[in-house]
Amino acid sequence: MTKIKETSTNFANKKALADVCLEIYASNVIGGQWSLAICCYLINGKLRFGELRKCLPNITERMLTLQLRKLEEDKILTRTVFAEVPPRVEYELTEIGYKLKPIIEELEKWGKEHKEILNPEE
């Protein structure tokens, strides 16, 4: 996952939109394909790296690691390392992360309705 250059027009536009529109700001935080999926699985409680990997079979370990680091940096989740051999690491949503639950549930409802409109025979 590469970062947008801070000197690019794209970065400036994204920042300007996020500064004036909190919906865009929120979307930038959890809007990535994997970020939202990770949050969906963590809504039900703590998971270890391997458990998350099983939930998201199409994500590479590198991408999962990058997404988890970004979510941790954004204070959406916490990473707890246990001093064991082999080391055990658990990920859990923070208080602000758990506040995503009703939003995720509404997105699920909206997605179902929209999918039915596009594909009524399914």
Protein backbone atom coordinates (compact mmCIF):
# COMPACT_ATOMS: atom_id res chain seq x y z
CA MET A 1 0.00 0.00 0.00
CA THR A 2 1.69 3.17 -1.12
CA LYS A 3 0.99 6.53 0.40
CA ILE A 4 -0.12 9.46 -1.70
CA LYS A 5 2.66 11.98 -2.07
CA GLU A 6 1.94 14.93 0.18
CA THR A 7 2.94 17.30 -2.62
CA SER A 8 0.44 15.85 -5.10
CA THR A 9 -2.77 17.54 -6.20
CA ASN A 10 -4.65 14.36 -5.29
CA PHE A 11 -3.39 14.60 -1.68
CA ALA A 12 -4.32 18.29 -1.48
CA ASN A 13 -7.82 17.63 -2.84
CA LYS A 14 -8.38 14.69 -0.49
CA LYS A 15 -7.22 16.73 2.51
CA ALA A 16 -9.31 19.76 1.55
CA LEU A 17 -12.44 17.62 1.20
CA ALA A 18 -11.78 15.87 4.52
CA ASP A 19 -11.27 19.21 6.25
CA VAL A 20 -14.68 20.55 5.21
CA CYS A 21 -16.71 17.34 5.13
CA LEU A 22 -16.59 14.99 8.11
CA GLU A 23 -18.28 12.24 6.09
CA ILE A 24 -15.31 12.28 3.70
CA TYR A 25 -12.91 12.31 6.67
CA ALA A 26 -14.61 9.22 8.12
CA SER A 27 -14.64 7.53 4.74
CA ASN A 28 -10.91 8.15 4.38
CA VAL A 29 -10.28 6.45 7.73
CA ILE A 30 -12.31 3.27 7.13
CA GLY A 31 -13.03 3.51 3.42
CA GLY A 32 -10.44 1.06 2.18
CA GLN A 33 -11.71 -2.32 1.05
CA TRP A 34 -9.78 -4.19 3.69
CA SER A 35 -10.12 -1.68 6.54
CA LEU A 36 -13.88 -1.96 6.64
CA ALA A 37 -13.76 -5.74 6.30
CA ILE A 38 -11.30 -5.99 9.20
CA CYS A 39 -13.56 -3.80 11.34
CA CYS A 40 -16.57 -5.99 10.43
CA TYR A 41 -14.83 -9.08 11.80
CA LEU A 42 -13.50 -7.33 14.90
CA ILE A 43 -16.99 -6.01 15.80
CA ASN A 44 -17.62 -9.45 17.33
CA GLY A 45 -14.54 -9.29 19.56
CA LYS A 46 -10.79 -9.90 19.68
CA LEU A 47 -9.08 -11.87 16.94
CA ARG A 48 -5.54 -13.05 16.38
CA PHE A 49 -3.65 -12.36 13.16
CA GLY A 50 -4.15 -15.91 11.88
CA GLU A 51 -7.88 -15.76 12.60
CA LEU A 52 -8.21 -12.51 10.67
CA ARG A 53 -6.21 -14.04 7.83
CA LYS A 54 -8.68 -16.96 7.67
CA CYS A 55 -11.62 -14.52 7.60
CA LEU A 56 -10.05 -12.68 4.65
CA PRO A 57 -8.57 -15.44 2.45
CA ASN A 58 -7.83 -13.13 -0.50
CA ILE A 59 -5.69 -10.63 1.44
CA THR A 60 -1.93 -11.07 1.52
CA GLU A 61 -0.13 -11.16 4.86
CA ARG A 62 1.70 -7.97 3.91
CA MET A 63 -1.52 -6.10 3.10
CA LEU A 64 -3.19 -7.35 6.28
CA THR A 65 -0.20 -6.17 8.31
CA LEU A 66 -0.27 -2.75 6.62
CA GLN A 67 -4.01 -2.35 7.15
CA LEU A 68 -3.78 -3.38 10.80
CA ARG A 69 -0.95 -0.89 11.37
CA LYS A 70 -2.97 1.89 9.73
CA LEU A 71 -6.06 1.10 11.81
CA GLU A 72 -3.90 1.03 14.93
CA GLU A 73 -2.32 4.36 13.97
CA ASP A 74 -5.82 5.80 13.49
CA LYS A 75 -6.82 4.50 16.96
CA ILE A 76 -9.52 2.24 15.49
CA LEU A 77 -8.00 -0.90 16.97
CA THR A 78 -5.45 -1.95 19.56
CA ARG A 79 -2.73 -4.54 19.22
CA THR A 80 -1.89 -6.57 22.32
CA VAL A 81 1.29 -8.66 22.35
CA PHE A 82 1.54 -11.44 24.93
CA ALA A 83 4.98 -12.48 26.17
CA GLU A 84 4.68 -16.12 25.20
CA VAL A 85 6.58 -18.52 22.98
CA PRO A 86 5.47 -18.43 20.26
CA PRO A 87 4.34 -14.80 20.61
CA ARG A 88 0.60 -14.24 20.61
CA VAL A 89 -0.89 -11.02 19.24
CA GLU A 90 -4.55 -10.03 19.51
CA TYR A 91 -6.38 -7.23 17.77
CA GLU A 92 -9.45 -5.55 19.20
CA LEU A 93 -11.46 -2.48 18.32
CA THR A 94 -11.03 0.54 20.55
CA GLU A 95 -13.97 2.38 22.07
CA ILE A 96 -14.22 4.61 18.99
CA GLY A 97 -13.81 1.52 16.79
CA TYR A 98 -16.76 -0.22 18.45
CA LYS A 99 -18.88 2.85 17.69
CA LEU A 100 -18.72 1.74 14.05
CA LYS A 101 -21.09 -1.17 14.79
CA PRO A 102 -24.39 0.60 13.98
CA ILE A 103 -22.79 2.21 10.93
CA ILE A 104 -21.56 -1.15 9.65
CA GLU A 105 -24.99 -2.70 10.27
CA GLU A 106 -26.67 0.12 8.31
CA LEU A 107 -24.14 -0.28 5.47
CA GLU A 108 -24.98 -3.98 5.39
CA LYS A 109 -28.72 -3.22 5.13
CA TRP A 110 -28.12 -0.63 2.43
CA GLY A 111 -25.85 -3.01 0.51
CA LYS A 112 -28.47 -5.74 0.59
CA GLU A 113 -31.20 -3.38 -0.66
CA HIS A 114 -28.98 -1.97 -3.40
CA LYS A 115 -27.88 -5.43 -4.52
CA GLU A 116 -31.53 -6.51 -4.76
CA ILE A 117 -32.34 -3.48 -6.92
CA LEU A 118 -29.48 -4.31 -9.29
CA ASN A 119 -30.11 -8.08 -9.29
CA PRO A 120 -33.80 -8.65 -8.44
CA GLU A 121 -33.74 -12.33 -9.47
CA GLU A 122 -31.06 -13.33 -6.91
